[in-house]
Protein backbone atom coordinates (compact mmCIF):
# COMPACT_ATOMS: atom_id res chain seq x y z
CA MET A 1 62.34 10.14 37.87
CA LYS A 2 62.29 10.38 41.68
CA TYR A 3 59.36 8.37 42.97
CA PRO A 4 59.59 9.61 46.59
CA ALA A 5 59.08 13.16 45.36
CA LEU A 6 56.06 12.12 43.39
CA LEU A 7 54.66 10.23 46.34
CA LEU A 8 55.04 13.33 48.47
CA ALA A 9 53.11 15.26 45.84
CA LEU A 10 50.27 12.81 46.25
CA CYS A 11 49.81 13.53 49.95
CA LEU A 12 46.61 15.45 49.36
CA ALA A 13 45.42 13.30 46.50
CA VAL A 14 45.50 9.88 48.16
CA PRO A 15 43.10 9.37 51.08
CA GLY A 16 44.86 8.52 54.31
CA PHE A 17 48.36 9.23 53.00
CA VAL A 18 49.29 11.92 55.49
CA GLN A 19 47.90 10.38 58.66
CA ALA A 20 48.46 6.70 58.01
CA LYS A 21 47.44 4.42 60.86
CA VAL A 22 46.15 1.00 61.75
CA ILE A 23 42.39 1.38 61.64
CA GLY A 24 41.13 -2.09 62.43
CA THR A 25 41.55 -5.84 62.37
CA THR A 26 40.28 -8.33 59.83
CA VAL A 27 37.73 -10.76 61.24
CA PRO A 28 37.46 -13.85 58.99
CA ALA A 29 34.06 -15.13 57.99
CA GLN A 30 32.40 -17.82 60.06
CA PRO A 31 31.56 -21.27 58.67
CA LEU A 32 28.00 -22.38 58.10
CA THR A 33 27.03 -24.49 61.11
CA ALA A 34 23.88 -25.88 62.70
CA GLU A 35 24.35 -23.37 65.50
CA GLN A 36 24.46 -20.48 63.05
CA ILE A 37 21.30 -21.70 61.36
CA THR A 38 19.45 -21.42 64.68
CA THR A 39 19.95 -17.64 64.52
CA LEU A 40 17.50 -17.53 61.61
CA PRO A 41 13.76 -17.23 62.13
CA GLU A 42 12.39 -20.74 62.66
CA GLU A 43 10.44 -20.73 59.41
CA GLN A 44 13.66 -20.15 57.42
CA ARG A 45 15.80 -22.88 58.95
CA ALA A 46 14.60 -26.04 57.18
CA PRO A 47 16.24 -25.50 53.74
CA TRP A 48 19.53 -24.48 55.39
CA THR A 49 19.51 -27.51 57.67
CA GLN A 50 18.87 -29.75 54.67
CA TYR A 51 21.63 -28.04 52.69
CA LEU A 52 24.16 -28.50 55.49
CA ALA A 53 23.27 -32.18 55.89
CA GLN A 54 23.62 -32.77 52.15
CA SER A 55 27.04 -31.13 52.16
CA GLN A 56 28.24 -33.18 55.12
CA ASN A 57 26.98 -36.41 53.57
CA GLN A 58 28.65 -35.62 50.25
CA MET A 59 31.99 -34.97 51.94
CA LYS A 60 31.77 -38.30 53.78
CA LEU A 61 31.03 -40.04 50.49
CA ASP A 62 33.91 -38.31 48.67
CA GLN A 63 36.33 -39.21 51.44
CA ALA A 64 35.10 -42.79 51.59
CA ILE A 65 35.59 -43.26 47.85
CA LEU A 66 39.15 -41.95 47.99
CA ALA A 67 39.94 -44.09 51.05
CA ALA A 68 38.61 -47.17 49.26
CA GLU A 69 40.82 -46.46 46.25
CA ARG A 70 43.85 -46.22 48.50
CA THR A 71 43.29 -49.53 50.22
CA ASP A 72 46.45 -51.64 49.85
CA LEU A 73 48.28 -48.91 47.90
CA THR A 74 51.94 -48.70 48.87
CA GLU A 75 52.51 -45.31 47.24
CA ILE A 76 50.21 -42.39 46.50
CA VAL A 77 50.82 -40.12 43.52
CA TYR A 78 49.95 -36.45 43.94
CA GLY A 79 48.98 -34.09 41.15
CA LYS A 80 51.11 -31.21 39.93
CA ASN A 81 50.36 -27.57 40.60
CA GLY A 82 49.99 -25.15 37.71
CA ASP A 83 47.69 -22.72 35.96
CA GLY A 84 44.83 -25.03 35.14
CA THR A 85 42.76 -22.55 33.15
CA LYS A 86 45.57 -21.94 30.68
CA THR A 87 45.66 -25.65 29.85
CA MET A 88 41.94 -25.56 29.01
CA PRO A 89 41.74 -22.82 26.35
CA LEU A 90 38.25 -21.66 25.45
CA ASN A 91 39.24 -19.47 22.50
CA ARG A 92 40.31 -21.97 19.85
CA ASP A 93 38.54 -22.64 16.55
CA ALA A 94 35.67 -25.10 16.93
CA ALA A 95 37.42 -27.81 14.92
CA TRP A 96 40.38 -27.87 17.33
CA TYR A 97 38.17 -29.26 20.07
CA GLY A 98 37.81 -32.44 18.05
CA SER A 99 41.57 -32.90 17.84
CA ALA A 100 43.57 -35.56 19.68
CA GLU A 101 45.14 -32.84 21.83
CA ALA A 102 41.80 -31.46 22.96
CA ARG A 103 40.36 -34.92 23.58
CA HIS A 104 43.32 -35.81 25.76
CA ILE A 105 42.73 -32.69 27.85
CA ALA A 106 39.07 -33.65 28.09
CA ASP A 107 40.04 -37.16 29.25
CA VAL A 108 42.26 -35.67 31.95
CA ILE A 109 39.43 -33.37 33.03
CA VAL A 110 37.02 -36.29 33.33
CA SER A 111 39.53 -38.32 35.33
CA TYR A 112 39.89 -35.57 37.96
CA GLN A 113 36.18 -34.91 38.45
CA THR A 114 35.28 -35.41 42.10
CA PRO A 115 32.42 -37.74 43.06
CA ALA A 116 30.43 -34.61 43.94
CA GLY A 117 30.83 -33.45 40.31
CA GLY A 118 33.23 -30.54 40.68
CA TRP A 119 36.93 -30.03 40.19
CA GLY A 120 39.88 -28.74 42.20
CA LYS A 121 41.86 -25.67 41.20
CA ASN A 122 45.31 -24.81 39.88
CA ALA A 123 45.91 -28.20 38.28
CA PRO A 124 47.19 -28.52 34.69
CA ARG A 125 44.80 -30.57 32.56
CA ASP A 126 47.20 -31.39 29.73
CA GLY A 127 49.31 -33.95 31.61
CA ALA A 128 48.60 -37.53 32.62
CA VAL A 129 45.16 -38.78 33.58
CA ARG A 130 44.45 -39.30 37.25
CA GLN A 131 45.83 -42.50 38.74
CA TRP A 132 43.93 -44.80 41.05
CA GLY A 133 44.10 -43.40 44.59
CA GLU A 134 45.44 -40.01 43.54
CA SER A 135 43.73 -37.07 45.19
CA TRP A 136 41.53 -34.94 42.95
CA ILE A 137 43.35 -31.74 43.88
CA ALA A 138 46.68 -30.29 42.86
CA GLY A 139 49.71 -30.78 45.04
CA LYS A 140 50.31 -32.96 48.05
CA GLU A 141 47.11 -33.36 49.97
CA GLU A 142 47.09 -31.73 53.38
CA GLY A 143 43.79 -32.33 55.06
CA TRP A 144 40.80 -31.89 52.79
CA HIS A 145 41.25 -28.64 50.93
CA TYR A 146 39.51 -27.26 47.80
CA VAL A 147 38.15 -30.69 46.89
CA GLY A 148 35.65 -29.19 44.50
CA THR A 149 35.69 -25.41 44.10
CA PHE A 150 34.75 -22.43 41.93
CA ASP A 151 37.92 -20.57 42.89
CA ASN A 152 40.30 -19.44 40.13
CA GLY A 153 37.91 -20.52 37.38
CA ALA A 154 37.73 -24.12 38.55
CA THR A 155 34.70 -26.25 37.61
CA THR A 156 33.20 -23.60 35.32
CA THR A 157 36.20 -23.78 32.97
CA GLU A 158 36.12 -27.59 32.91
CA ILE A 159 32.43 -27.60 32.02
CA GLN A 160 32.90 -25.13 29.18
CA PHE A 161 35.88 -27.01 27.76
CA LEU A 162 34.03 -30.33 27.83
CA ALA A 163 31.04 -28.71 26.12
CA ARG A 164 33.23 -27.63 23.23
CA VAL A 165 34.80 -31.08 22.90
CA GLN A 166 31.56 -33.04 22.98
CA ALA A 167 30.10 -30.80 20.28
CA GLN A 168 32.79 -32.11 17.92
CA ILE A 169 32.03 -35.74 18.86
CA PRO A 170 28.28 -36.16 18.35
CA ASP A 171 28.37 -39.98 18.45
CA GLU A 172 28.62 -42.31 21.43
CA ALA A 173 32.32 -41.51 21.86
CA GLY A 174 31.28 -38.12 23.20
CA ASN A 175 28.94 -39.51 25.84
CA ARG A 176 31.59 -39.66 28.57
CA TYR A 177 32.17 -35.94 28.18
CA ARG A 178 28.46 -35.21 28.21
CA ALA A 179 28.09 -37.31 31.37
CA ALA A 180 30.82 -35.27 33.05
CA ILE A 181 29.01 -32.06 32.05
CA TYR A 182 25.82 -33.38 33.68
CA GLY A 183 27.85 -34.10 36.80
CA GLY A 184 29.35 -30.61 36.77
CA LEU A 185 25.95 -28.97 36.38
CA ASN A 186 24.52 -31.04 39.22
CA TYR A 187 27.48 -29.85 41.28
CA ILE A 188 26.44 -26.25 40.55
CA PHE A 189 22.79 -26.95 41.35
CA ASN A 190 23.52 -28.88 44.56
CA SER A 191 26.02 -26.36 45.90
CA GLN A 192 23.79 -23.30 45.43
CA TYR A 193 22.69 -21.88 48.75
CA PRO A 194 18.98 -21.45 49.53
CA ASN A 195 19.47 -17.69 49.16
CA GLY A 196 20.92 -18.06 45.64
CA GLY A 197 24.64 -17.67 46.37
CA TRP A 198 27.47 -20.18 46.25
CA PRO A 199 30.32 -21.02 48.61
CA GLN A 200 33.86 -21.02 47.31
CA VAL A 201 34.27 -24.72 48.08
CA TRP A 202 31.70 -27.54 48.11
CA PRO A 203 31.17 -29.78 49.99
CA LEU A 204 31.57 -27.06 52.57
CA GLU A 205 35.09 -26.78 53.94
CA GLY A 206 34.50 -24.24 56.71
CA GLY A 207 35.95 -20.82 57.42
CA TYR A 208 35.64 -18.07 54.84
CA HIS A 209 35.27 -20.71 52.11
CA ASP A 210 31.63 -21.03 53.23
CA ALA A 211 30.85 -17.36 52.59
CA VAL A 212 28.81 -16.33 49.56
CA THR A 213 31.74 -15.83 47.23
CA PHE A 214 32.07 -13.08 44.64
CA ASN A 215 35.86 -13.16 44.96
CA ASP A 216 37.77 -13.75 41.71
CA ASN A 217 34.40 -13.57 39.95
CA ALA A 218 33.27 -17.00 41.21
CA LEU A 219 29.56 -16.21 41.07
CA SER A 220 29.97 -14.36 37.79
CA ASP A 221 31.66 -17.40 36.25
CA ILE A 222 28.86 -19.67 37.46
CA ALA A 223 26.22 -17.28 36.13
CA GLY A 224 27.96 -17.29 32.76
CA VAL A 225 27.72 -21.08 32.51
CA LEU A 226 24.10 -21.07 33.65
CA ARG A 227 23.25 -18.51 31.01
CA LEU A 228 24.75 -20.73 28.28
CA VAL A 229 22.94 -23.79 29.59
CA ALA A 230 19.61 -21.97 29.91
CA ALA A 231 19.83 -20.85 26.28
CA GLY A 232 20.44 -24.46 25.20
CA GLN A 233 22.18 -23.47 21.96
CA GLY A 234 25.45 -24.38 20.26
CA ASP A 235 27.66 -26.50 22.49
CA TYR A 236 24.79 -26.89 24.95
CA ALA A 237 22.05 -27.92 22.52
CA PHE A 238 22.28 -31.55 23.68
CA LEU A 239 20.96 -30.67 27.14
CA PRO A 240 17.28 -31.50 27.78
CA GLN A 241 14.67 -28.93 28.66
CA SER A 242 14.65 -30.07 32.29
CA ILE A 243 18.31 -29.09 32.75
CA ARG A 244 17.76 -25.82 30.94
CA ALA A 245 14.87 -25.05 33.30
CA GLN A 246 17.05 -25.82 36.32
CA ALA A 247 19.73 -23.50 34.98
CA THR A 248 17.18 -20.72 34.41
CA ALA A 249 15.87 -21.05 37.96
CA ALA A 250 19.39 -21.12 39.43
CA LEU A 251 20.36 -18.05 37.42
CA ASP A 252 17.26 -16.20 38.63
CA ARG A 253 18.19 -17.01 42.23
CA ALA A 254 21.76 -15.83 41.55
CA ILE A 255 20.47 -12.49 40.32
CA GLY A 256 18.33 -12.33 43.43
CA VAL A 257 21.28 -12.76 45.79
CA ILE A 258 23.25 -10.10 43.90
CA LEU A 259 20.41 -7.66 44.50
CA SER A 260 19.95 -8.70 48.13
CA SER A 261 23.63 -8.38 48.99
CA GLN A 262 24.22 -4.93 47.49
CA VAL A 263 25.38 -2.93 50.51
CA ARG A 264 23.26 0.01 51.58
CA ILE A 265 24.94 2.85 53.43
CA GLU A 266 22.55 5.38 54.93
CA SER A 267 19.78 3.67 52.91
CA GLN A 268 21.68 4.24 49.66
CA PRO A 269 22.66 1.16 47.60
CA THR A 270 26.37 1.16 46.82
CA ALA A 271 28.47 -1.86 45.84
CA TRP A 272 29.45 -5.37 46.94
CA GLY A 273 32.15 -7.06 48.96
CA GLN A 274 34.52 -9.80 47.98
CA GLN A 275 32.54 -12.30 50.01
CA HIS A 276 29.38 -11.99 52.08
CA ASP A 277 28.13 -13.76 55.19
CA THR A 278 26.25 -16.91 54.25
CA LEU A 279 23.11 -15.99 56.16
CA ASN A 280 22.92 -12.22 56.66
CA LEU A 281 24.70 -11.33 53.37
CA MET A 282 26.88 -8.61 54.88
CA PRO A 283 30.49 -8.30 53.63
CA VAL A 284 32.93 -10.42 55.62
CA GLY A 285 36.68 -10.93 55.75
CA ALA A 286 38.51 -13.85 54.20
CA ARG A 287 42.27 -14.31 54.36
CA ASN A 288 44.14 -12.25 56.95
CA PHE A 289 44.78 -9.42 54.50
CA GLU A 290 41.28 -9.41 52.97
CA PRO A 291 39.03 -7.35 55.26
CA ALA A 292 35.29 -6.93 55.16
CA SER A 293 34.84 -4.08 52.73
CA LEU A 294 33.42 -2.96 49.41
CA SER A 295 35.42 -4.33 46.49
CA SER A 296 35.74 -2.48 43.20
CA SER A 297 36.75 -5.48 41.08
CA GLU A 298 34.02 -7.84 42.25
CA SER A 299 31.44 -5.04 42.11
CA ALA A 300 32.33 -4.34 38.50
CA ALA A 301 31.94 -8.02 37.62
CA LEU A 302 28.54 -8.19 39.29
CA LEU A 303 27.39 -5.08 37.45
CA LEU A 304 28.36 -6.74 34.17
CA GLU A 305 26.22 -9.74 35.14
CA LEU A 306 23.22 -7.58 35.99
CA MET A 307 23.55 -5.74 32.68
CA LYS A 308 23.23 -9.08 30.86
CA VAL A 309 19.74 -9.66 32.26
CA GLU A 310 17.17 -9.56 29.48
CA ASN A 311 14.17 -7.36 30.20
CA PRO A 312 15.58 -6.27 33.58
CA SER A 313 13.19 -5.54 36.43
CA ASP A 314 13.02 -2.13 38.08
CA ALA A 315 15.10 -3.58 40.93
CA VAL A 316 17.88 -4.68 38.56
CA VAL A 317 17.89 -1.31 36.77
CA ALA A 318 18.08 0.59 40.05
CA SER A 319 20.86 -1.67 41.30
CA VAL A 320 22.97 -1.13 38.19
CA HIS A 321 22.61 2.65 38.27
CA ALA A 322 23.55 2.75 41.94
CA GLY A 323 26.54 0.45 41.50
CA ALA A 324 27.82 2.40 38.51
CA ALA A 325 27.47 5.67 40.42
CA TRP A 326 29.52 4.18 43.26
CA LEU A 327 32.28 3.08 40.86
CA LYS A 328 32.37 6.51 39.25
CA SER A 329 32.69 8.18 42.65
CA LYS A 330 35.73 6.06 43.52
CA ALA A 331 37.70 6.47 40.29
CA MET A 332 41.17 7.98 40.76
CA THR A 333 42.64 9.91 37.84
CA GLY A 334 46.13 11.17 37.19
CA VAL A 335 47.82 8.40 39.18
CA ALA A 336 49.16 4.92 38.40
CA TRP A 337 50.12 1.91 40.53
CA VAL A 338 53.57 0.99 39.28
CA LYS A 339 56.83 -0.68 40.14
CA ALA A 340 59.13 1.82 41.84
CA GLY A 341 62.53 0.21 42.17
CA ASN A 342 61.96 -2.94 44.20
CA ASP A 343 58.65 -1.71 45.47
CA LYS A 344 55.24 -0.67 44.20
CA ALA A 345 53.82 2.78 44.69
CA LEU A 346 51.22 5.26 43.52
CA VAL A 347 52.79 7.85 41.25
CA GLN A 348 51.47 10.80 39.32
CA ASP A 349 50.74 10.03 35.68
CA ALA A 350 48.51 12.35 33.68
CA ASN A 351 48.06 9.69 30.99
CA ALA A 352 47.14 6.84 33.33
CA LYS A 353 43.82 5.04 33.02
CA PRO A 354 41.31 5.56 35.83
CA LEU A 355 42.36 3.57 38.87
CA TRP A 356 40.42 1.97 41.72
CA ALA A 357 41.55 0.61 45.05
CA ARG A 358 40.67 -3.03 45.63
CA TYR A 359 38.94 -2.40 48.97
CA TYR A 360 36.94 0.48 50.46
CA SER A 361 35.96 0.90 54.08
CA LEU A 362 32.35 0.19 54.95
CA GLU A 363 32.49 3.04 57.45
CA THR A 364 34.39 5.82 55.68
CA GLY A 365 34.25 4.82 52.03
CA GLU A 366 38.02 5.36 51.77
CA PRO A 367 40.58 2.81 50.46
CA ILE A 368 41.83 0.27 53.02
CA PHE A 369 44.63 -2.30 52.93
CA GLY A 370 45.11 -5.51 54.91
CA ASP A 371 48.26 -7.24 56.10
CA ARG A 372 49.10 -10.82 57.06
CA ASP A 373 48.93 -9.97 60.77
CA LEU A 374 45.21 -9.12 60.35
CA THR A 375 45.80 -5.38 60.70
CA ILE A 376 43.90 -2.99 58.43
CA HIS A 377 45.61 0.20 57.25
CA ASP A 378 44.50 3.36 55.48
CA ASP A 379 47.78 3.66 53.53
CA VAL A 380 49.16 0.94 51.26
CA MET A 381 52.71 2.09 52.02
CA GLU A 382 52.23 1.15 55.68
CA ILE A 383 51.64 -2.56 55.11
CA SER A 384 54.46 -5.08 54.77
CA ALA A 385 56.46 -5.02 51.56
CA GLU A 386 55.58 -8.67 50.93
CA ARG A 387 51.85 -7.91 50.88
CA ARG A 388 52.18 -4.56 49.17
CA ASN A 389 53.97 -6.16 46.24
CA GLY A 390 52.13 -9.46 46.26
CA TYR A 391 48.53 -8.36 45.90
CA ALA A 392 46.44 -6.32 43.46
CA TRP A 393 45.68 -3.35 45.72
CA TYR A 394 44.82 -1.12 42.77
CA GLY A 395 43.46 -1.91 39.33
CA THR A 396 41.73 -0.57 36.23
CA SER A 397 39.26 -3.40 35.55
CA ALA A 398 36.24 -1.45 36.79
CA GLN A 399 36.42 0.72 33.68
CA LYS A 400 35.07 -2.14 31.55
CA ALA A 401 31.85 -2.15 33.55
CA LEU A 402 31.50 1.60 33.19
CA ASP A 403 32.10 1.37 29.44
CA VAL A 404 29.28 -1.18 29.12
CA TYR A 405 27.14 0.90 31.43
CA ALA A 406 27.46 3.95 29.18
CA GLU A 407 25.54 2.13 26.44
CA TRP A 408 23.28 0.12 28.76
CA SER A 409 22.08 3.25 30.56
CA GLN A 410 20.81 4.71 27.29
CA LYS A 411 18.41 1.79 27.00
CA HIS A 412 17.53 1.73 30.69
CA PRO A 413 17.48 5.30 32.04
CA GLN A 414 16.83 6.00 35.69
């Protein structure tokens, strides 16, 4: 099979293939600051000012606690990097969560909980418990980075794992796990923005981490935990009504920010970005190769969340129909994103599943691709090989949302 020939055959099928060019530059999101808050109408500033102060105070407290632990230490031990979520399985039989293995993982989880109540990311939870003075994050600490985050399933996975373990230990021995769950839920409640969204990192770290984050399904993961807590059943039956009410209110605000941030183009609601500006809720850039855009993967995840709403309002129903229509309009058929020698490329494949680009231009609606030098391209083959092969520029995950939508739409017609 000659991939170059197939790529040539796709010239007319892939937007931007023939006249590839640099079409823009990624502008990273701005941090939430007191100066930014002054751009809001005066009557809206108070809750944001309070939120920012709470975040700053929490970071000072977290840093002070770690500094106090390190007083007189001659050597600091740093945690290992790894796939943390895989070491906290959520798909085992209920009885396994009462085993010595599961309880050890739970003990490790508790030991790495930050004073704010969250957890870092990419840290294996099946190793040794945290040592005195060890940073709460994986790897050698450089500055203050991801000390409490929702990125890569962090915090939400820890809460769910602890909930399963404590359910198998109903006596006092399970109280330490329940206490950690309370701390994790308070972390979720305290870090929620006044508009209902969440940053990627809390206390706020600055930069794009402060944006309302849908990336890697952060908000969707949080909403999933809140939904379990609000129901107060099974592993979450121990939670009091007051916590369940807080979770319900937080979930309602989360649904609100999903609706508010759905991008309208020529007055028509479309989809969502990977992350949105904290205050004006417009899509913004993140890392150099992640431009402000509409994102198929994150949009699909948000549609799945909206379709879980019981007795959806007219606004939710309209939002879902519009988002699903946008996904359908962007589906590519007859092509696959595959390894072609030492490279990746789009090739013709009549049997391939529908495919979506990761990012779509806010101006043209066509696929766009970012590179490490901040440049934005209209052809994936024009970006550096390192980025082309090291990022999920195309994927099939949006189909799941459309499959659910097919049934949901029968119950909730336009």
